C-alpha atoms as a PDB file:
ATOM      1  CA  MET A   1     -38.015  31.538   6.383  1.00  0.00           C
ATOM      2  CA  ALA A   2     -38.467  34.031   3.385  1.00  0.00           C
ATOM      3  CA  ALA A   3     -39.378  36.969   6.079  1.00  0.00           C
ATOM      4  CA  TRP A   4     -36.340  36.112   7.934  1.00  0.00           C
ATOM      5  CA  TRP A   5     -34.298  35.959   4.774  1.00  0.00           C
ATOM      6  CA  GLU A   6     -35.415  39.634   3.382  1.00  0.00           C
ATOM      7  CA  GLY A   7     -34.984  40.835   7.025  1.00  0.00           C
ATOM      8  CA  ILE A   8     -31.176  40.152   7.407  1.00  0.00           C
ATOM      9  CA  SER A   9     -28.400  42.130   5.917  1.00  0.00           C
ATOM     10  CA  LEU A  10     -26.704  41.401   2.712  1.00  0.00           C
ATOM     11  CA  LEU A  11     -23.304  40.434   4.693  1.00  0.00           C
ATOM     12  CA  GLU A  12     -25.288  38.167   6.855  1.00  0.00           C
ATOM     13  CA  GLN A  13     -26.922  36.310   3.976  1.00  0.00           C
ATOM     14  CA  ILE A  14     -23.551  36.075   2.367  1.00  0.00           C
ATOM     15  CA  PHE A  15     -22.333  34.187   5.588  1.00  0.00           C
ATOM     16  CA  VAL A  16     -25.377  31.890   5.471  1.00  0.00           C
ATOM     17  CA  ILE A  17     -24.905  31.294   1.795  1.00  0.00           C
ATOM     18  CA  ILE A  18     -21.377  29.972   2.803  1.00  0.00           C
ATOM     19  CA  ALA A  19     -22.207  28.172   5.931  1.00  0.00           C
ATOM     20  CA  ALA A  20     -25.753  26.340   4.912  1.00  0.00           C
ATOM     21  CA  PRO A  21     -24.362  24.277   1.968  1.00  0.00           C
ATOM     22  CA  SER A  22     -21.181  23.264   3.737  1.00  0.00           C
ATOM     23  CA  THR A  23     -23.136  22.362   6.791  1.00  0.00           C
ATOM     24  CA  LEU A  24     -25.518  20.113   4.337  1.00  0.00           C
ATOM     25  CA  ILE A  25     -22.302  18.505   2.881  1.00  0.00           C
ATOM     26  CA  LEU A  26     -21.042  17.514   6.492  1.00  0.00           C
ATOM     27  CA  ILE A  27     -24.304  16.079   7.406  1.00  0.00           C
ATOM     28  CA  ILE A  28     -24.483  13.992   4.401  1.00  0.00           C
ATOM     29  CA  GLN A  29     -20.562  12.852   4.770  1.00  0.00           C
ATOM     30  CA  THR A  30     -21.959  12.071   8.480  1.00  0.00           C
ATOM     31  CA  VAL A  31     -24.991  10.062   7.166  1.00  0.00           C
ATOM     32  CA  MET A  32     -22.893   8.211   4.648  1.00  0.00           C
ATOM     33  CA  LEU A  33     -20.478   7.316   6.938  1.00  0.00           C
ATOM     34  CA  ILE A  34     -22.720   5.601   9.597  1.00  0.00           C
ATOM     35  CA  PHE A  35     -25.327   4.317   7.161  1.00  0.00           C
ATOM     36  CA  GLY A  36     -22.558   3.286   4.569  1.00  0.00           C
ATOM     37  CA  GLY A  37     -21.271   0.955   7.337  1.00  0.00           C
ATOM     38  CA  GLY A  38     -24.646  -0.767   7.302  1.00  0.00           C
ATOM     39  CA  LEU A  39     -23.323  -3.000   4.721  1.00  0.00           C
ATOM     40  CA  ASP A  40     -20.318  -5.277   5.143  1.00  0.00           C
ATOM     41  CA  ALA A  41     -18.168  -2.191   5.282  1.00  0.00           C
ATOM     42  CA  PRO A  42     -17.431   1.536   5.604  1.00  0.00           C
ATOM     43  CA  ASP A  43     -14.987   4.313   6.735  1.00  0.00           C
ATOM     44  CA  SER A  44     -13.446   5.321  10.134  1.00  0.00           C
ATOM     45  CA  GLY A  45     -13.374   8.628   9.355  1.00  0.00           C
ATOM     46  CA  LEU A  46      -9.630   8.078   9.947  1.00  0.00           C
ATOM     47  CA  GLY A  47      -8.081   9.528   6.789  1.00  0.00           C
ATOM     48  CA  SER A  48      -8.587  10.123   3.252  1.00  0.00           C
ATOM     49  CA  ASP A  49      -6.501  11.030   0.109  1.00  0.00           C
ATOM     50  CA  VAL A  50      -3.850   8.301   0.742  1.00  0.00           C
ATOM     51  CA  SER A  51      -0.982   8.052  -1.555  1.00  0.00           C
ATOM     52  CA  GLY A  52       1.987   5.984  -1.321  1.00  0.00           C
ATOM     53  CA  PHE A  53       0.494   2.860   0.401  1.00  0.00           C
ATOM     54  CA  GLY A  54       2.422   0.116   1.622  1.00  0.00           C
ATOM     55  CA  SER A  55       2.853  -2.996  -0.563  1.00  0.00           C
ATOM     56  CA  ASP A  56       0.298  -5.709   0.103  1.00  0.00           C
ATOM     57  CA  GLU A  57       2.685  -8.620  -0.593  1.00  0.00           C
ATOM     58  CA  GLY A  58       2.710 -11.306   2.339  1.00  0.00           C
ATOM     59  CA  MET A  59      -0.394  -9.755   3.764  1.00  0.00           C
ATOM     60  CA  ASP A  60      -2.297 -12.802   4.718  1.00  0.00           C
ATOM     61  CA  GLY A  61      -2.169 -11.655   8.302  1.00  0.00           C
ATOM     62  CA  ALA A  62      -0.304  -8.243   8.180  1.00  0.00           C
ATOM     63  CA  GLU A  63      -0.854  -4.879   7.771  1.00  0.00           C
ATOM     64  CA  SER A  64      -0.878  -3.523   4.060  1.00  0.00           C
ATOM     65  CA  GLY A  65      -0.088   0.053   5.109  1.00  0.00           C
ATOM     66  CA  ILE A  66      -3.295   1.338   3.810  1.00  0.00           C
ATOM     67  CA  GLY A  67      -4.047   4.511   4.691  1.00  0.00           C
ATOM     68  CA  ASP A  68      -7.624   6.340   5.069  1.00  0.00           C
ATOM     69  CA  PRO A  69      -8.626   9.067   2.730  1.00  0.00           C
ATOM     70  CA  ASP A  70      -8.220  12.276   4.508  1.00  0.00           C
ATOM     71  CA  ILE A  71      -4.635  11.706   5.106  1.00  0.00           C
ATOM     72  CA  GLN A  72      -1.732  10.506   3.323  1.00  0.00           C
ATOM     73  CA  ALA A  73       0.425   8.000   4.555  1.00  0.00           C
ATOM     74  CA  ALA A  74       3.369  10.515   4.076  1.00  0.00           C
ATOM     75  CA  ASP A  75       1.644  12.740   6.152  1.00  0.00           C
ATOM     76  CA  VAL A  76       1.135  10.559   9.277  1.00  0.00           C
ATOM     77  CA  ASP A  77       3.715  12.549  10.986  1.00  0.00           C
ATOM     78  CA  GLY A  78       2.397  15.954   9.937  1.00  0.00           C
ATOM     79  CA  LEU A  79      -1.017  17.396   9.525  1.00  0.00           C
ATOM     80  CA  ARG A  80      -3.021  17.066   6.311  1.00  0.00           C
ATOM     81  CA  LEU A  81      -5.087  20.319   6.761  1.00  0.00           C
ATOM     82  CA  PHE A  82      -6.880  20.445   3.678  1.00  0.00           C
ATOM     83  CA  SER A  83      -9.085  17.411   3.378  1.00  0.00           C
ATOM     84  CA  ILE A  84     -12.733  17.413   2.508  1.00  0.00           C
ATOM     85  CA  ARG A  85     -13.907  17.317   5.780  1.00  0.00           C
ATOM     86  CA  GLY A  86     -11.698  19.774   7.003  1.00  0.00           C
ATOM     87  CA  ILE A  87     -12.748  22.305   4.199  1.00  0.00           C
ATOM     88  CA  MET A  88     -16.512  22.019   4.699  1.00  0.00           C
ATOM     89  CA  THR A  89     -15.795  22.227   8.454  1.00  0.00           C
ATOM     90  CA  PHE A  90     -13.869  25.624   7.947  1.00  0.00           C
ATOM     91  CA  LEU A  91     -16.630  26.911   5.810  1.00  0.00           C
ATOM     92  CA  THR A  92     -19.264  25.943   8.072  1.00  0.00           C
ATOM     93  CA  VAL A  93     -17.743  27.443  11.324  1.00  0.00           C
ATOM     94  CA  PHE A  94     -16.509  30.569   9.286  1.00  0.00           C
ATOM     95  CA  GLY A  95     -20.150  31.063   7.632  1.00  0.00           C
ATOM     96  CA  TRP A  96     -22.350  30.418  10.694  1.00  0.00           C
ATOM     97  CA  SER A  97     -19.929  32.801  13.524  1.00  0.00           C
ATOM     98  CA  GLY A  98     -19.935  35.358  10.563  1.00  0.00           C
ATOM     99  CA  ALA A  99     -23.288  35.591  10.638  1.00  0.00           C
ATOM    100  CA  VAL A 100     -24.091  35.491  14.328  1.00  0.00           C
ATOM    101  CA  MET A 101     -21.359  38.216  14.669  1.00  0.00           C
ATOM    102  CA  ILE A 102     -22.762  40.555  12.014  1.00  0.00           C
ATOM    103  CA  SER A 103     -26.382  39.984  13.567  1.00  0.00           C
ATOM    104  CA  MET A 104     -24.755  41.362  16.795  1.00  0.00           C
ATOM    105  CA  GLY A 105     -23.446  44.619  15.258  1.00  0.00           C
ATOM    106  CA  MET A 106     -19.705  43.666  15.023  1.00  0.00           C
ATOM    107  CA  HIS A 107     -18.110  45.806  12.165  1.00  0.00           C
ATOM    108  CA  PRO A 108     -17.765  43.376   9.045  1.00  0.00           C
ATOM    109  CA  ALA A 109     -13.914  43.231   8.867  1.00  0.00           C
ATOM    110  CA  ALA A 110     -13.753  42.394  12.554  1.00  0.00           C
ATOM    111  CA  ALA A 111     -16.496  39.809  11.837  1.00  0.00           C
ATOM    112  CA  ALA A 112     -14.614  38.233   8.833  1.00  0.00           C
ATOM    113  CA  ALA A 113     -11.258  38.318  10.823  1.00  0.00           C
ATOM    114  CA  VAL A 114     -12.573  36.332  13.810  1.00  0.00           C
ATOM    115  CA  SER A 115     -14.722  34.302  11.582  1.00  0.00           C
ATOM    116  CA  GLY A 116     -11.650  33.162   9.698  1.00  0.00           C
ATOM    117  CA  LEU A 117      -9.595  32.396  12.802  1.00  0.00           C
ATOM    118  CA  LEU A 118     -12.588  30.304  14.159  1.00  0.00           C
ATOM    119  CA  GLY A 119     -12.992  28.426  10.991  1.00  0.00           C
ATOM    120  CA  PHE A 120      -9.227  27.855  10.948  1.00  0.00           C
ATOM    121  CA  ALA A 121      -9.307  26.748  14.263  1.00  0.00           C
ATOM    122  CA  SER A 122     -11.924  24.121  13.590  1.00  0.00           C
ATOM    123  CA  LEU A 123      -9.889  22.864  10.312  1.00  0.00           C
ATOM    124  CA  TYR A 124      -6.856  22.446  12.298  1.00  0.00           C
ATOM    125  CA  GLY A 125      -8.583  20.614  15.217  1.00  0.00           C
ATOM    126  CA  MET A 126     -10.313  18.349  12.585  1.00  0.00           C
ATOM    127  CA  ALA A 127      -6.666  17.630  11.194  1.00  0.00           C
ATOM    128  CA  ARG A 128      -5.332  16.858  14.854  1.00  0.00           C
ATOM    129  CA  MET A 129      -8.425  14.637  15.101  1.00  0.00           C
ATOM    130  CA  ILE A 130      -7.648  12.669  11.895  1.00  0.00           C
ATOM    131  CA  LYS A 131      -4.180  12.462  12.840  1.00  0.00           C
ATOM    132  CA  ALA A 132      -4.809  11.039  16.135  1.00  0.00           C
ATOM    133  CA  LEU A 133      -7.156   8.466  14.675  1.00  0.00           C
ATOM    134  CA  MET A 134      -5.069   7.755  11.820  1.00  0.00           C
ATOM    135  CA  LYS A 135      -2.097   6.764  14.392  1.00  0.00           C
ATOM    136  CA  LEU A 136      -4.861   4.250  16.295  1.00  0.00           C
ATOM    137  CA  GLN A 137      -5.557   2.709  13.133  1.00  0.00           C
ATOM    138  CA  GLU A 138      -1.863   2.190  12.346  1.00  0.00           C
ATOM    139  CA  SER A 139      -1.217   0.728  16.056  1.00  0.00           C
ATOM    140  CA  GLY A 140      -3.613  -1.934  15.218  1.00  0.00           C
ATOM    141  CA  ASN A 141      -2.518  -4.827  13.144  1.00  0.00           C
ATOM    142  CA  VAL A 142      -5.500  -4.811  10.619  1.00  0.00           C
ATOM    143  CA  ASN A 143      -5.266  -7.321   7.727  1.00  0.00           C
ATOM    144  CA  TYR A 144      -6.711  -5.328   4.769  1.00  0.00           C
ATOM    145  CA  ARG A 145      -6.819  -8.425   2.523  1.00  0.00           C
ATOM    146  CA  ARG A 146     -10.236  -9.329   4.846  1.00  0.00           C
ATOM    147  CA  ALA A 147     -11.819  -6.741   2.765  1.00  0.00           C
ATOM    148  CA  LEU A 148     -11.592  -8.992  -0.412  1.00  0.00           C
ATOM    149  CA  GLY A 149     -15.416 -10.240  -1.095  1.00  0.00           C
ATOM    150  CA  LYS A 150     -17.052  -7.533   1.296  1.00  0.00           C
ATOM    151  CA  THR A 151     -19.460  -4.739   0.195  1.00  0.00           C
ATOM    152  CA  ALA A 152     -18.431  -1.103   0.442  1.00  0.00           C
ATOM    153  CA  ARG A 153     -19.980   2.131  -0.686  1.00  0.00           C
ATOM    154  CA  VAL A 154     -18.499   4.581  -3.054  1.00  0.00           C
ATOM    155  CA  TYR A 155     -17.638   7.751  -1.454  1.00  0.00           C
ATOM    156  CA  LEU A 156     -16.002   9.587  -4.208  1.00  0.00           C
ATOM    157  CA  THR A 157     -17.186   8.759  -7.816  1.00  0.00           C
ATOM    158  CA  ILE A 158     -14.784   5.980  -9.165  1.00  0.00           C
ATOM    159  CA  PRO A 159     -13.451   6.880 -12.814  1.00  0.00           C
ATOM    160  CA  PRO A 160     -13.570   4.317 -15.373  1.00  0.00           C
ATOM    161  CA  ALA A 161     -10.991   1.872 -15.875  1.00  0.00           C
ATOM    162  CA  GLY A 162      -7.554   3.359 -16.363  1.00  0.00           C
ATOM    163  CA  GLN A 163      -9.118   7.019 -15.853  1.00  0.00           C
ATOM    164  CA  GLY A 164      -8.166   7.408 -11.976  1.00  0.00           C
ATOM    165  CA  GLN A 165      -8.976   6.477  -8.692  1.00  0.00           C
ATOM    166  CA  GLY A 166     -12.142   7.213  -6.310  1.00  0.00           C
ATOM    167  CA  LYS A 167     -12.675   6.082  -2.901  1.00  0.00           C
ATOM    168  CA  ILE A 168     -15.169   3.656  -0.912  1.00  0.00           C
ATOM    169  CA  ASN A 169     -16.224   3.453   2.338  1.00  0.00           C
ATOM    170  CA  LEU A 170     -15.127   0.294   3.839  1.00  0.00           C
ATOM    171  CA  MET A 171     -15.304  -1.471   7.594  1.00  0.00           C
ATOM    172  CA  LEU A 172     -12.147  -3.134   8.609  1.00  0.00           C
ATOM    173  CA  GLY A 173     -12.032  -4.805  12.025  1.00  0.00           C
ATOM    174  CA  ASP A 174     -13.825  -2.515  14.507  1.00  0.00           C
ATOM    175  CA  SER A 175     -13.139   0.826  12.466  1.00  0.00           C
ATOM    176  CA  LEU A 176     -14.484   2.234   9.428  1.00  0.00           C
ATOM    177  CA  GLY A 177     -12.164   3.945   6.972  1.00  0.00           C
ATOM    178  CA  GLU A 178     -12.026   5.673   3.269  1.00  0.00           C
ATOM    179  CA  PHE A 179      -9.818   4.038   0.952  1.00  0.00           C
ATOM    180  CA  TRP A 180      -8.676   4.408  -2.632  1.00  0.00           C
ATOM    181  CA  ALA A 181     -10.419   2.252  -5.100  1.00  0.00           C
ATOM    182  CA  VAL A 182     -10.463   1.639  -8.854  1.00  0.00           C
ATOM    183  CA  THR A 183     -12.596  -0.446 -11.307  1.00  0.00           C
ATOM    184  CA  GLU A 184     -12.258  -2.236 -14.347  1.00  0.00           C
ATOM    185  CA  SER A 185     -15.549  -1.443 -15.778  1.00  0.00           C
ATOM    186  CA  SER A 186     -15.652   1.165 -18.553  1.00  0.00           C
ATOM    187  CA  GLU A 187     -18.346   3.342 -16.794  1.00  0.00           C
ATOM    188  CA  PRO A 188     -17.839   5.420 -13.642  1.00  0.00           C
ATOM    189  CA  ILE A 189     -19.180   4.256 -10.472  1.00  0.00           C
ATOM    190  CA  PRO A 190     -21.095   7.131  -8.796  1.00  0.00           C
ATOM    191  CA  THR A 191     -21.113   8.376  -5.159  1.00  0.00           C
ATOM    192  CA  GLY A 192     -23.338   6.260  -2.730  1.00  0.00           C
ATOM    193  CA  THR A 193     -23.252   3.067  -5.008  1.00  0.00           C
ATOM    194  CA  ALA A 194     -22.623  -0.473  -3.434  1.00  0.00           C
ATOM    195  CA  VAL A 195     -19.849  -2.506  -4.827  1.00  0.00           C
ATOM    196  CA  ARG A 196     -18.054  -5.513  -3.884  1.00  0.00           C
ATOM    197  CA  VAL A 197     -14.122  -5.610  -3.329  1.00  0.00           C
ATOM    198  CA  VAL A 198     -12.518  -8.235  -5.677  1.00  0.00           C
ATOM    199  CA  ASP A 199      -8.819  -7.298  -5.300  1.00  0.00           C
ATOM    200  CA  LEU A 200      -6.100  -5.387  -3.613  1.00  0.00           C
ATOM    201  CA  ALA A 201      -2.891  -4.193  -5.180  1.00  0.00           C
ATOM    202  CA  GLY A 202      -0.569  -1.577  -4.354  1.00  0.00           C
ATOM    203  CA  GLY A 203      -2.510  -0.252  -1.778  1.00  0.00           C
ATOM    204  CA  VAL A 204      -5.564   0.274  -4.068  1.00  0.00           C
ATOM    205  CA  TYR A 205      -8.854  -1.966  -4.052  1.00  0.00           C
ATOM    206  CA  THR A 206     -10.346  -2.816  -7.165  1.00  0.00           C
ATOM    207  CA  VAL A 207     -14.393  -2.921  -7.176  1.00  0.00           C
ATOM    208  CA  LYS A 208     -17.280  -3.897  -9.198  1.00  0.00           C
ATOM    209  CA  GLN A 209     -20.588  -2.429  -8.936  1.00  0.00           C
ATOM    210  CA  GLU A 210     -23.179  -4.628  -7.084  1.00  0.00           C
ATOM    211  CA  GLU A 211     -25.904  -6.304  -9.359  1.00  0.00           C
END
């Protein structure tokens, strides 16, 4: 590995430095998505970063309007390009394609331009996929209150009470989704922690760390 690294050009090294950690993050996200669902819960990969959720009133059998983390409810008719997965996908494709093209002797400027186009195309494709999955989720009549009492896994660190929201991976019905969550604890709940869903209000789950 050391010999290979020393044998490639500086530009190739830069592209690899961009691509390698991005690829690792994508792999970790995928593993968390798959094995996080091994609990009672998890993520459909449908979307995240949801704001403006619907009310949870009268939801004993109805859909709450909660969205998934990579897409905001207000963006369902459009595309939310800059989700975490989208950005990591862009950097992964940009980095590896750039490294390959430089190794093939392509001019650095041309390699960067083509890699950028390929990266943006992959980011756009990810956004389209998330949008399609989001619509599939919305087409189902999901009762989000059924998550109460279930176990989930923290996807993005949940800050202490009153200091903001994090995200959890949670299985609802047959799909895995990422949802906004808060805690009443005075301590943050880090990524990967198992939590219990205890409440739902305003489209945001309240969770407590499993003991």
